[in-house]
Amino acid sequence: MSDSAEVPLRELNQQTSRVLARVAAGETVTITKDGVPIGDIVPRGGVTGRPAYPFRTDPMGDLNIPDLGGPVLDDDEIEATLRSMGAEAAERTDGVDD
């Protein structure tokens, strides 16, 4: 038995117990739809080769940010503004005893 295999979504749907038995035996199974990988089923504690996050990391669409009438800043101007804000905060905390 190989360490990984591709299983079409239809096969997973029709033979779930068999596919999960392969996973329980230590095999990593990549589920495909129309030949395109869509997910992996890995043995518990197995490594997928990429991190698993407990939150969404996929894009959720375009951001609809309202125009509040403020100045239009390029990336360099935004970075400079944020850096100066950090410097101001550091100056306020200088001399403050912990």
PDB file of N, CA and C in Angstrom:
ATOM      1  N   MET A   1       0.856  -1.186   0.000  1.00  0.00           N
ATOM      2  CA  MET A   1       0.000   0.000   0.000  1.00  0.00           C
ATOM      3  C   MET A   1       0.894   1.239   0.000  1.00  0.00           C
ATOM      4  N   SER A   2       0.572   2.201  -0.845  1.00  0.00           N
ATOM      5  CA  SER A   2       1.371   3.421  -0.911  1.00  0.00           C
ATOM      6  C   SER A   2       1.006   4.358   0.233  1.00  0.00           C
ATOM      7  N   ASP A   3       1.836   5.382   0.444  1.00  0.00           N
ATOM      8  CA  ASP A   3       1.604   6.317   1.537  1.00  0.00           C
ATOM      9  C   ASP A   3       0.577   7.376   1.186  1.00  0.00           C
ATOM     10  N   SER A   4       0.294   7.575  -0.104  1.00  0.00           N
ATOM     11  CA  SER A   4      -0.726   8.533  -0.490  1.00  0.00           C
ATOM     12  C   SER A   4      -1.380   8.090  -1.788  1.00  0.00           C
ATOM     13  N   ALA A   5      -2.619   8.501  -1.977  1.00  0.00           N
ATOM     14  CA  ALA A   5      -3.363   8.129  -3.176  1.00  0.00           C
ATOM     15  C   ALA A   5      -4.400   9.193  -3.466  1.00  0.00           C
ATOM     16  N   GLU A   6      -4.844   9.242  -4.708  1.00  0.00           N
ATOM     17  CA  GLU A   6      -5.926  10.141  -5.091  1.00  0.00           C
ATOM     18  C   GLU A   6      -7.217   9.341  -5.194  1.00  0.00           C
ATOM     19  N   VAL A   7      -8.274   9.912  -4.659  1.00  0.00           N
ATOM     20  CA  VAL A   7      -9.589   9.266  -4.696  1.00  0.00           C
ATOM     21  C   VAL A   7     -10.584  10.288  -5.222  1.00  0.00           C
ATOM     22  N   PRO A   8     -11.322   9.940  -6.276  1.00  0.00           N
ATOM     23  CA  PRO A   8     -12.340  10.865  -6.763  1.00  0.00           C
ATOM     24  C   PRO A   8     -13.444  11.061  -5.719  1.00  0.00           C
ATOM     25  N   LEU A   9     -14.029  12.238  -5.718  1.00  0.00           N
ATOM     26  CA  LEU A   9     -15.097  12.570  -4.778  1.00  0.00           C
ATOM     27  C   LEU A   9     -16.229  11.552  -4.852  1.00  0.00           C
ATOM     28  N   ARG A  10     -16.545  11.100  -6.032  1.00  0.00           N
ATOM     29  CA  ARG A  10     -17.624  10.109  -6.204  1.00  0.00           C
ATOM     30  C   ARG A  10     -17.292   8.822  -5.444  1.00  0.00           C
ATOM     31  N   GLU A  11     -16.019   8.380  -5.530  1.00  0.00           N
ATOM     32  CA  GLU A  11     -15.623   7.167  -4.806  1.00  0.00           C
ATOM     33  C   GLU A  11     -15.716   7.377  -3.299  1.00  0.00           C
ATOM     34  N   LEU A  12     -15.292   8.568  -2.828  1.00  0.00           N
ATOM     35  CA  LEU A  12     -15.415   8.862  -1.396  1.00  0.00           C
ATOM     36  C   LEU A  12     -16.876   8.804  -0.974  1.00  0.00           C
ATOM     37  N   ASN A  13     -17.755   9.349  -1.796  1.00  0.00           N
ATOM     38  CA  ASN A  13     -19.186   9.358  -1.498  1.00  0.00           C
ATOM     39  C   ASN A  13     -19.752   7.941  -1.447  1.00  0.00           C
ATOM     40  N   GLN A  14     -19.330   7.087  -2.381  1.00  0.00           N
ATOM     41  CA  GLN A  14     -19.902   5.749  -2.494  1.00  0.00           C
ATOM     42  C   GLN A  14     -19.209   4.721  -1.601  1.00  0.00           C
ATOM     43  N   GLN A  15     -17.940   4.963  -1.239  1.00  0.00           N
ATOM     44  CA  GLN A  15     -17.182   3.976  -0.476  1.00  0.00           C
ATOM     45  C   GLN A  15     -16.450   4.637   0.696  1.00  0.00           C
ATOM     46  N   THR A  16     -17.169   5.454   1.438  1.00  0.00           N
ATOM     47  CA  THR A  16     -16.575   6.213   2.532  1.00  0.00           C
ATOM     48  C   THR A  16     -15.851   5.302   3.520  1.00  0.00           C
ATOM     49  N   SER A  17     -16.464   4.209   3.912  1.00  0.00           N
ATOM     50  CA  SER A  17     -15.855   3.314   4.901  1.00  0.00           C
ATOM     51  C   SER A  17     -14.535   2.745   4.398  1.00  0.00           C
ATOM     52  N   ARG A  18     -14.484   2.364   3.138  1.00  0.00           N
ATOM     53  CA  ARG A  18     -13.243   1.805   2.579  1.00  0.00           C
ATOM     54  C   ARG A  18     -12.137   2.860   2.532  1.00  0.00           C
ATOM     55  N   VAL A  19     -12.495   4.071   2.112  1.00  0.00           N
ATOM     56  CA  VAL A  19     -11.505   5.148   2.041  1.00  0.00           C
ATOM     57  C   VAL A  19     -10.985   5.473   3.439  1.00  0.00           C
ATOM     58  N   LEU A  20     -11.887   5.557   4.417  1.00  0.00           N
ATOM     59  CA  LEU A  20     -11.465   5.859   5.781  1.00  0.00           C
ATOM     60  C   LEU A  20     -10.653   4.718   6.394  1.00  0.00           C
ATOM     61  N   ALA A  21     -10.915   3.498   5.978  1.00  0.00           N
ATOM     62  CA  ALA A  21     -10.094   2.378   6.450  1.00  0.00           C
ATOM     63  C   ALA A  21      -8.657   2.531   5.944  1.00  0.00           C
ATOM     64  N   ARG A  22      -8.499   3.008   4.727  1.00  0.00           N
ATOM     65  CA  ARG A  22      -7.155   3.250   4.189  1.00  0.00           C
ATOM     66  C   ARG A  22      -6.451   4.332   4.998  1.00  0.00           C
ATOM     67  N   VAL A  23      -7.199   5.388   5.355  1.00  0.00           N
ATOM     68  CA  VAL A  23      -6.626   6.466   6.171  1.00  0.00           C
ATOM     69  C   VAL A  23      -6.247   5.921   7.546  1.00  0.00           C
ATOM     70  N   ALA A  24      -7.120   5.119   8.131  1.00  0.00           N
ATOM     71  CA  ALA A  24      -6.834   4.539   9.449  1.00  0.00           C
ATOM     72  C   ALA A  24      -5.586   3.661   9.401  1.00  0.00           C
ATOM     73  N   ALA A  25      -5.296   3.088   8.239  1.00  0.00           N
ATOM     74  CA  ALA A  25      -4.110   2.243   8.078  1.00  0.00           C
ATOM     75  C   ALA A  25      -2.846   3.071   7.838  1.00  0.00           C
ATOM     76  N   GLY A  26      -2.994   4.402   7.839  1.00  0.00           N
ATOM     77  CA  GLY A  26      -1.824   5.270   7.708  1.00  0.00           C
ATOM     78  C   GLY A  26      -1.653   5.941   6.363  1.00  0.00           C
ATOM     79  N   GLU A  27      -2.579   5.741   5.457  1.00  0.00           N
ATOM     80  CA  GLU A  27      -2.480   6.323   4.119  1.00  0.00           C
ATOM     81  C   GLU A  27      -3.089   7.719   4.085  1.00  0.00           C
ATOM     82  N   THR A  28      -2.441   8.635   3.385  1.00  0.00           N
ATOM     83  CA  THR A  28      -3.005   9.950   3.130  1.00  0.00           C
ATOM     84  C   THR A  28      -3.761   9.887   1.820  1.00  0.00           C
ATOM     85  N   VAL A  29      -4.996  10.371   1.822  1.00  0.00           N
ATOM     86  CA  VAL A  29      -5.840  10.309   0.634  1.00  0.00           C
ATOM     87  C   VAL A  29      -6.149  11.735   0.182  1.00  0.00           C
ATOM     88  N   THR A  30      -5.865  12.005  -1.088  1.00  0.00           N
ATOM     89  CA  THR A  30      -6.205  13.293  -1.691  1.00  0.00           C
ATOM     90  C   THR A  30      -7.510  13.125  -2.451  1.00  0.00           C
ATOM     91  N   ILE A  31      -8.493  13.930  -2.101  1.00  0.00           N
ATOM     92  CA  ILE A  31      -9.795  13.867  -2.756  1.00  0.00           C
ATOM     93  C   ILE A  31      -9.754  14.787  -3.976  1.00  0.00           C
ATOM     94  N   THR A  32     -10.228  14.272  -5.116  1.00  0.00           N
ATOM     95  CA  THR A  32     -10.237  15.057  -6.344  1.00  0.00           C
ATOM     96  C   THR A  32     -11.665  15.213  -6.858  1.00  0.00           C
ATOM     97  N   LYS A  33     -11.872  16.313  -7.556  1.00  0.00           N
ATOM     98  CA  LYS A  33     -13.141  16.548  -8.246  1.00  0.00           C
ATOM     99  C   LYS A  33     -12.792  16.924  -9.666  1.00  0.00           C
ATOM    100  N   ASP A  34     -13.251  16.147 -10.608  1.00  0.00           N
ATOM    101  CA  ASP A  34     -12.910  16.335 -12.023  1.00  0.00           C
ATOM    102  C   ASP A  34     -11.393  16.343 -12.216  1.00  0.00           C
ATOM    103  N   GLY A  35     -10.693  15.501 -11.442  1.00  0.00           N
ATOM    104  CA  GLY A  35      -9.242  15.371 -11.570  1.00  0.00           C
ATOM    105  C   GLY A  35      -8.434  16.447 -10.862  1.00  0.00           C
ATOM    106  N   VAL A  36      -9.116  17.387 -10.215  1.00  0.00           N
ATOM    107  CA  VAL A  36      -8.437  18.488  -9.527  1.00  0.00           C
ATOM    108  C   VAL A  36      -8.472  18.227  -8.020  1.00  0.00           C
ATOM    109  N   PRO A  37      -7.293  18.219  -7.350  1.00  0.00           N
ATOM    110  CA  PRO A  37      -7.288  18.000  -5.906  1.00  0.00           C
ATOM    111  C   PRO A  37      -8.069  19.091  -5.177  1.00  0.00           C
ATOM    112  N   ILE A  38      -8.950  18.660  -4.250  1.00  0.00           N
ATOM    113  CA  ILE A  38      -9.734  19.629  -3.481  1.00  0.00           C
ATOM    114  C   ILE A  38      -9.506  19.506  -1.984  1.00  0.00           C
ATOM    115  N   GLY A  39      -8.864  18.439  -1.543  1.00  0.00           N
ATOM    116  CA  GLY A  39      -8.622  18.289  -0.116  1.00  0.00           C
ATOM    117  C   GLY A  39      -7.888  17.006   0.190  1.00  0.00           C
ATOM    118  N   ASP A  40      -7.392  16.920   1.407  1.00  0.00           N
ATOM    119  CA  ASP A  40      -6.660  15.746   1.865  1.00  0.00           C
ATOM    120  C   ASP A  40      -7.315  15.195   3.117  1.00  0.00           C
ATOM    121  N   ILE A  41      -7.330  13.876   3.201  1.00  0.00           N
ATOM    122  CA  ILE A  41      -7.706  13.208   4.440  1.00  0.00           C
ATOM    123  C   ILE A  41      -6.440  12.539   4.929  1.00  0.00           C
ATOM    124  N   VAL A  42      -5.995  12.914   6.118  1.00  0.00           N
ATOM    125  CA  VAL A  42      -4.729  12.400   6.647  1.00  0.00           C
ATOM    126  C   VAL A  42      -4.997  11.656   7.953  1.00  0.00           C
ATOM    127  N   PRO A  43      -4.161  10.675   8.245  1.00  0.00           N
ATOM    128  CA  PRO A  43      -4.303   9.992   9.530  1.00  0.00           C
ATOM    129  C   PRO A  43      -4.156  10.988  10.675  1.00  0.00           C
ATOM    130  N   ARG A  44      -4.847  10.772  11.749  1.00  0.00           N
ATOM    131  CA  ARG A  44      -4.770  11.666  12.908  1.00  0.00           C
ATOM    132  C   ARG A  44      -3.320  11.799  13.335  1.00  0.00           C
ATOM    133  N   GLY A  45      -2.882  13.056  13.512  1.00  0.00           N
ATOM    134  CA  GLY A  45      -1.497  13.315  13.876  1.00  0.00           C
ATOM    135  C   GLY A  45      -0.570  13.344  12.676  1.00  0.00           C
ATOM    136  N   GLY A  46      -1.114  13.092  11.482  1.00  0.00           N
ATOM    137  CA  GLY A  46      -0.292  13.101  10.276  1.00  0.00           C
ATOM    138  C   GLY A  46       0.039  14.517   9.850  1.00  0.00           C
ATOM    139  N   VAL A  47       1.067  14.643   9.037  1.00  0.00           N
ATOM    140  CA  VAL A  47       1.505  15.944   8.548  1.00  0.00           C
ATOM    141  C   VAL A  47       1.065  16.080   7.101  1.00  0.00           C
ATOM    142  N   THR A  48       0.436  17.202   6.774  1.00  0.00           N
ATOM    143  CA  THR A  48      -0.066  17.412   5.416  1.00  0.00           C
ATOM    144  C   THR A  48       0.928  18.135   4.528  1.00  0.00           C
ATOM    145  N   GLY A  49       2.005  18.652   5.105  1.00  0.00           N
ATOM    146  CA  GLY A  49       2.956  19.406   4.308  1.00  0.00           C
ATOM    147  C   GLY A  49       2.641  20.886   4.272  1.00  0.00           C
ATOM    148  N   ARG A  50       1.515  21.275   4.811  1.00  0.00           N
ATOM    149  CA  ARG A  50       1.159  22.689   4.899  1.00  0.00           C
ATOM    150  C   ARG A  50       0.423  22.906   6.221  1.00  0.00           C
ATOM    151  N   PRO A  51       0.526  24.097   6.759  1.00  0.00           N
ATOM    152  CA  PRO A  51      -0.098  24.326   8.069  1.00  0.00           C
ATOM    153  C   PRO A  51      -1.623  24.288   7.986  1.00  0.00           C
ATOM    154  N   ALA A  52      -2.233  23.872   9.068  1.00  0.00           N
ATOM    155  CA  ALA A  52      -3.683  23.897   9.183  1.00  0.00           C
ATOM    156  C   ALA A  52      -4.039  24.994  10.174  1.00  0.00           C
ATOM    157  N   TYR A  53      -4.838  25.944   9.735  1.00  0.00           N
ATOM    158  CA  TYR A  53      -5.192  27.081  10.567  1.00  0.00           C
ATOM    159  C   TYR A  53      -6.588  26.897  11.142  1.00  0.00           C
ATOM    160  N   PRO A  54      -6.815  27.331  12.381  1.00  0.00           N
ATOM    161  CA  PRO A  54      -8.141  27.198  12.973  1.00  0.00           C
ATOM    162  C   PRO A  54      -9.088  28.315  12.530  1.00  0.00           C
ATOM    163  N   PHE A  55      -8.721  29.038  11.481  1.00  0.00           N
ATOM    164  CA  PHE A  55      -9.529  30.134  10.987  1.00  0.00           C
ATOM    165  C   PHE A  55      -9.412  30.173   9.473  1.00  0.00           C
ATOM    166  N   ARG A  56     -10.308  30.885   8.829  1.00  0.00           N
ATOM    167  CA  ARG A  56     -10.293  30.965   7.364  1.00  0.00           C
ATOM    168  C   ARG A  56      -9.067  31.718   6.878  1.00  0.00           C
ATOM    169  N   THR A  57      -8.455  31.215   5.833  1.00  0.00           N
ATOM    170  CA  THR A  57      -7.330  31.917   5.216  1.00  0.00           C
ATOM    171  C   THR A  57      -7.599  32.204   3.747  1.00  0.00           C
ATOM    172  N   ASP A  58      -8.735  31.733   3.256  1.00  0.00           N
ATOM    173  CA  ASP A  58      -9.050  31.971   1.854  1.00  0.00           C
ATOM    174  C   ASP A  58      -9.670  33.365   1.698  1.00  0.00           C
ATOM    175  N   PRO A  59      -9.464  33.985   0.534  1.00  0.00           N
ATOM    176  CA  PRO A  59     -10.060  35.302   0.310  1.00  0.00           C
ATOM    177  C   PRO A  59     -11.585  35.198   0.353  1.00  0.00           C
ATOM    178  N   MET A  60     -12.206  36.182   0.939  1.00  0.00           N
ATOM    179  CA  MET A  60     -13.660  36.166   1.053  1.00  0.00           C
ATOM    180  C   MET A  60     -14.305  37.179   0.115  1.00  0.00           C
ATOM    181  N   GLY A  61     -13.600  37.544  -0.948  1.00  0.00           N
ATOM    182  CA  GLY A  61     -14.165  38.468  -1.921  1.00  0.00           C
ATOM    183  C   GLY A  61     -13.560  39.851  -1.803  1.00  0.00           C
ATOM    184  N   ASP A  62     -14.018  40.739  -2.684  1.00  0.00           N
ATOM    185  CA  ASP A  62     -13.522  42.106  -2.690  1.00  0.00           C
ATOM    186  C   ASP A  62     -13.967  42.847  -1.434  1.00  0.00           C
ATOM    187  N   LEU A  63     -13.082  43.693  -0.943  1.00  0.00           N
ATOM    188  CA  LEU A  63     -13.432  44.539   0.188  1.00  0.00           C
ATOM    189  C   LEU A  63     -14.186  45.755  -0.321  1.00  0.00           C
ATOM    190  N   ASN A  64     -15.239  46.101   0.347  1.00  0.00           N
ATOM    191  CA  ASN A  64     -16.009  47.286  -0.008  1.00  0.00           C
ATOM    192  C   ASN A  64     -15.736  48.331   1.068  1.00  0.00           C
ATOM    193  N   ILE A  65     -14.667  49.097   0.872  1.00  0.00           N
ATOM    194  CA  ILE A  65     -14.256  50.103   1.846  1.00  0.00           C
ATOM    195  C   ILE A  65     -14.844  51.442   1.431  1.00  0.00           C
ATOM    196  N   PRO A  66     -15.637  52.048   2.293  1.00  0.00           N
ATOM    197  CA  PRO A  66     -16.275  53.318   1.916  1.00  0.00           C
ATOM    198  C   PRO A  66     -15.254  54.454   1.848  1.00  0.00           C
ATOM    199  N   ASP A  67     -15.499  55.399   0.978  1.00  0.00           N
ATOM    200  CA  ASP A  67     -14.662  56.591   0.879  1.00  0.00           C
ATOM    201  C   ASP A  67     -15.105  57.564   1.963  1.00  0.00           C
ATOM    202  N   LEU A  68     -14.220  57.833   2.909  1.00  0.00           N
ATOM    203  CA  LEU A  68     -14.558  58.719   4.017  1.00  0.00           C
ATOM    204  C   LEU A  68     -14.067  60.144   3.783  1.00  0.00           C
ATOM    205  N   GLY A  69     -13.577  60.407   2.581  1.00  0.00           N
ATOM    206  CA  GLY A  69     -13.153  61.759   2.239  1.00  0.00           C
ATOM    207  C   GLY A  69     -11.766  62.123   2.730  1.00  0.00           C
ATOM    208  N   GLY A  70     -11.025  61.152   3.227  1.00  0.00           N
ATOM    209  CA  GLY A  70      -9.670  61.421   3.703  1.00  0.00           C
ATOM    210  C   GLY A  70      -8.691  61.508   2.544  1.00  0.00           C
ATOM    211  N   PRO A  71      -7.431  61.831   2.847  1.00  0.00           N
ATOM    212  CA  PRO A  71      -6.439  61.938   1.784  1.00  0.00           C
ATOM    213  C   PRO A  71      -6.124  60.574   1.189  1.00  0.00           C
ATOM    214  N   VAL A  72      -5.782  60.566  -0.085  1.00  0.00           N
ATOM    215  CA  VAL A  72      -5.368  59.342  -0.756  1.00  0.00           C
ATOM    216  C   VAL A  72      -3.866  59.203  -0.551  1.00  0.00           C
ATOM    217  N   LEU A  73      -3.443  58.126   0.094  1.00  0.00           N
ATOM    218  CA  LEU A  73      -2.034  57.912   0.396  1.00  0.00           C
ATOM    219  C   LEU A  73      -1.523  56.693  -0.357  1.00  0.00           C
ATOM    220  N   ASP A  74      -0.279  56.777  -0.837  1.00  0.00           N
ATOM    221  CA  ASP A  74       0.322  55.597  -1.442  1.00  0.00           C
ATOM    222  C   ASP A  74       0.959  54.755  -0.328  1.00  0.00           C
ATOM    223  N   ASP A  75       1.473  53.599  -0.676  1.00  0.00           N
ATOM    224  CA  ASP A  75       2.023  52.681   0.325  1.00  0.00           C
ATOM    225  C   ASP A  75       3.154  53.300   1.138  1.00  0.00           C
ATOM    226  N   ASP A  76       4.038  54.078   0.487  1.00  0.00           N
ATOM    227  CA  ASP A  76       5.157  54.701   1.201  1.00  0.00           C
ATOM    228  C   ASP A  76       4.661  55.722   2.227  1.00  0.00           C
ATOM    229  N   GLU A  77       3.636  56.478   1.854  1.00  0.00           N
ATOM    230  CA  GLU A  77       3.084  57.470   2.776  1.00  0.00           C
ATOM    231  C   GLU A  77       2.402  56.804   3.977  1.00  0.00           C
ATOM    232  N   ILE A  78       1.722  55.702   3.717  1.00  0.00           N
ATOM    233  CA  ILE A  78       1.087  54.965   4.811  1.00  0.00           C
ATOM    234  C   ILE A  78       2.143  54.419   5.759  1.00  0.00           C
ATOM    235  N   GLU A  79       3.204  53.832   5.199  1.00  0.00           N
ATOM    236  CA  GLU A  79       4.275  53.280   6.033  1.00  0.00           C
ATOM    237  C   GLU A  79       4.935  54.372   6.871  1.00  0.00           C
ATOM    238  N   ALA A  80       5.208  55.529   6.261  1.00  0.00           N
ATOM    239  CA  ALA A  80       5.831  56.632   6.996  1.00  0.00           C
ATOM    240  C   ALA A  80       4.929  57.116   8.126  1.00  0.00           C
ATOM    241  N   THR A  81       3.628  57.192   7.859  1.00  0.00           N
ATOM    242  CA  THR A  81       2.680  57.624   8.886  1.00  0.00           C
ATOM    243  C   THR A  81       2.656  56.646  10.052  1.00  0.00           C
ATOM    244  N   LEU A  82       2.616  55.352   9.743  1.00  0.00           N
ATOM    245  CA  LEU A  82       2.593  54.348  10.809  1.00  0.00           C
ATOM    246  C   LEU A  82       3.887  54.353  11.610  1.00  0.00           C
ATOM    247  N   ARG A  83       5.017  54.533  10.924  1.00  0.00           N
ATOM    248  CA  ARG A  83       6.296  54.588  11.637  1.00  0.00           C
ATOM    249  C   ARG A  83       6.342  55.797  12.580  1.00  0.00           C
ATOM    250  N   SER A  84       5.850  56.934  12.126  1.00  0.00           N
ATOM    251  CA  SER A  84       5.871  58.122  12.978  1.00  0.00           C
ATOM    252  C   SER A  84       4.933  57.952  14.170  1.00  0.00           C
ATOM    253  N   MET A  85       3.824  57.257  13.976  1.00  0.00           N
ATOM    254  CA  MET A  85       2.918  56.992  15.096  1.00  0.00           C
ATOM    255  C   MET A  85       3.606  56.112  16.131  1.00  0.00           C
ATOM    256  N   GLY A  86       4.390  55.135  15.678  1.00  0.00           N
ATOM    257  CA  GLY A  86       5.132  54.273  16.593  1.00  0.00           C
ATOM    258  C   GLY A  86       6.188  55.046  17.350  1.00  0.00           C
ATOM    259  N   ALA A  87       6.845  55.988  16.668  1.00  0.00           N
ATOM    260  CA  ALA A  87       7.872  56.800  17.323  1.00  0.00           C
ATOM    261  C   ALA A  87       7.247  57.698  18.385  1.00  0.00           C
ATOM    262  N   GLU A  88       6.074  58.259  18.081  1.00  0.00           N
ATOM    263  CA  GLU A  88       5.379  59.112  19.053  1.00  0.00           C
ATOM    264  C   GLU A  88       4.984  58.300  20.288  1.00  0.00           C
ATOM    265  N   ALA A  89       4.528  57.103  20.104  1.00  0.00           N
ATOM    266  CA  ALA A  89       4.133  56.263  21.232  1.00  0.00           C
ATOM    267  C   ALA A  89       5.356  55.910  22.077  1.00  0.00           C
ATOM    268  N   ALA A  90       6.488  55.646  21.428  1.00  0.00           N
ATOM    269  CA  ALA A  90       7.708  55.320  22.158  1.00  0.00           C
ATOM    270  C   ALA A  90       8.172  56.513  22.979  1.00  0.00           C
ATOM    271  N   GLU A  91       8.030  57.727  22.428  1.00  0.00           N
ATOM    272  CA  GLU A  91       8.430  58.931  23.166  1.00  0.00           C
ATOM    273  C   GLU A  91       7.557  59.127  24.402  1.00  0.00           C
ATOM    274  N   ARG A  92       6.260  58.818  24.281  1.00  0.00           N
ATOM    275  CA  ARG A  92       5.353  58.977  25.419  1.00  0.00           C
ATOM    276  C   ARG A  92       5.679  58.004  26.542  1.00  0.00           C
ATOM    277  N   THR A  93       6.212  56.835  26.202  1.00  0.00           N
ATOM    278  CA  THR A  93       6.485  55.838  27.237  1.00  0.00           C
ATOM    279  C   THR A  93       7.911  55.948  27.764  1.00  0.00           C
ATOM    280  N   ASP A  94       8.769  56.742  27.127  1.00  0.00           N
ATOM    281  CA  ASP A  94      10.127  56.942  27.657  1.00  0.00           C
ATOM    282  C   ASP A  94      10.035  57.601  29.023  1.00  0.00           C
ATOM    283  N   GLY A  95      10.782  57.092  29.960  1.00  0.00           N
ATOM    284  CA  GLY A  95      10.807  57.690  31.296  1.00  0.00           C
ATOM    285  C   GLY A  95       9.701  57.177  32.189  1.00  0.00           C
ATOM    286  N   VAL A  96       8.807  56.330  31.645  1.00  0.00           N
ATOM    287  CA  VAL A  96       7.752  55.755  32.472  1.00  0.00           C
ATOM    288  C   VAL A  96       8.303  54.497  33.121  1.00  0.00           C
ATOM    289  N   ASP A  97       8.274  54.437  34.445  1.00  0.00           N
ATOM    290  CA  ASP A  97       8.795  53.272  35.141  1.00  0.00           C
ATOM    291  C   ASP A  97       7.822  52.124  35.053  1.00  0.00           C
ATOM    292  N   ASP A  98       8.384  50.935  34.897  1.00  0.00           N
ATOM    293  CA  ASP A  98       7.542  49.731  34.839  1.00  0.00           C
ATOM    294  C   ASP A  98       7.224  49.229  36.214  1.00  0.00           C
TER     295      ASP A  98
END
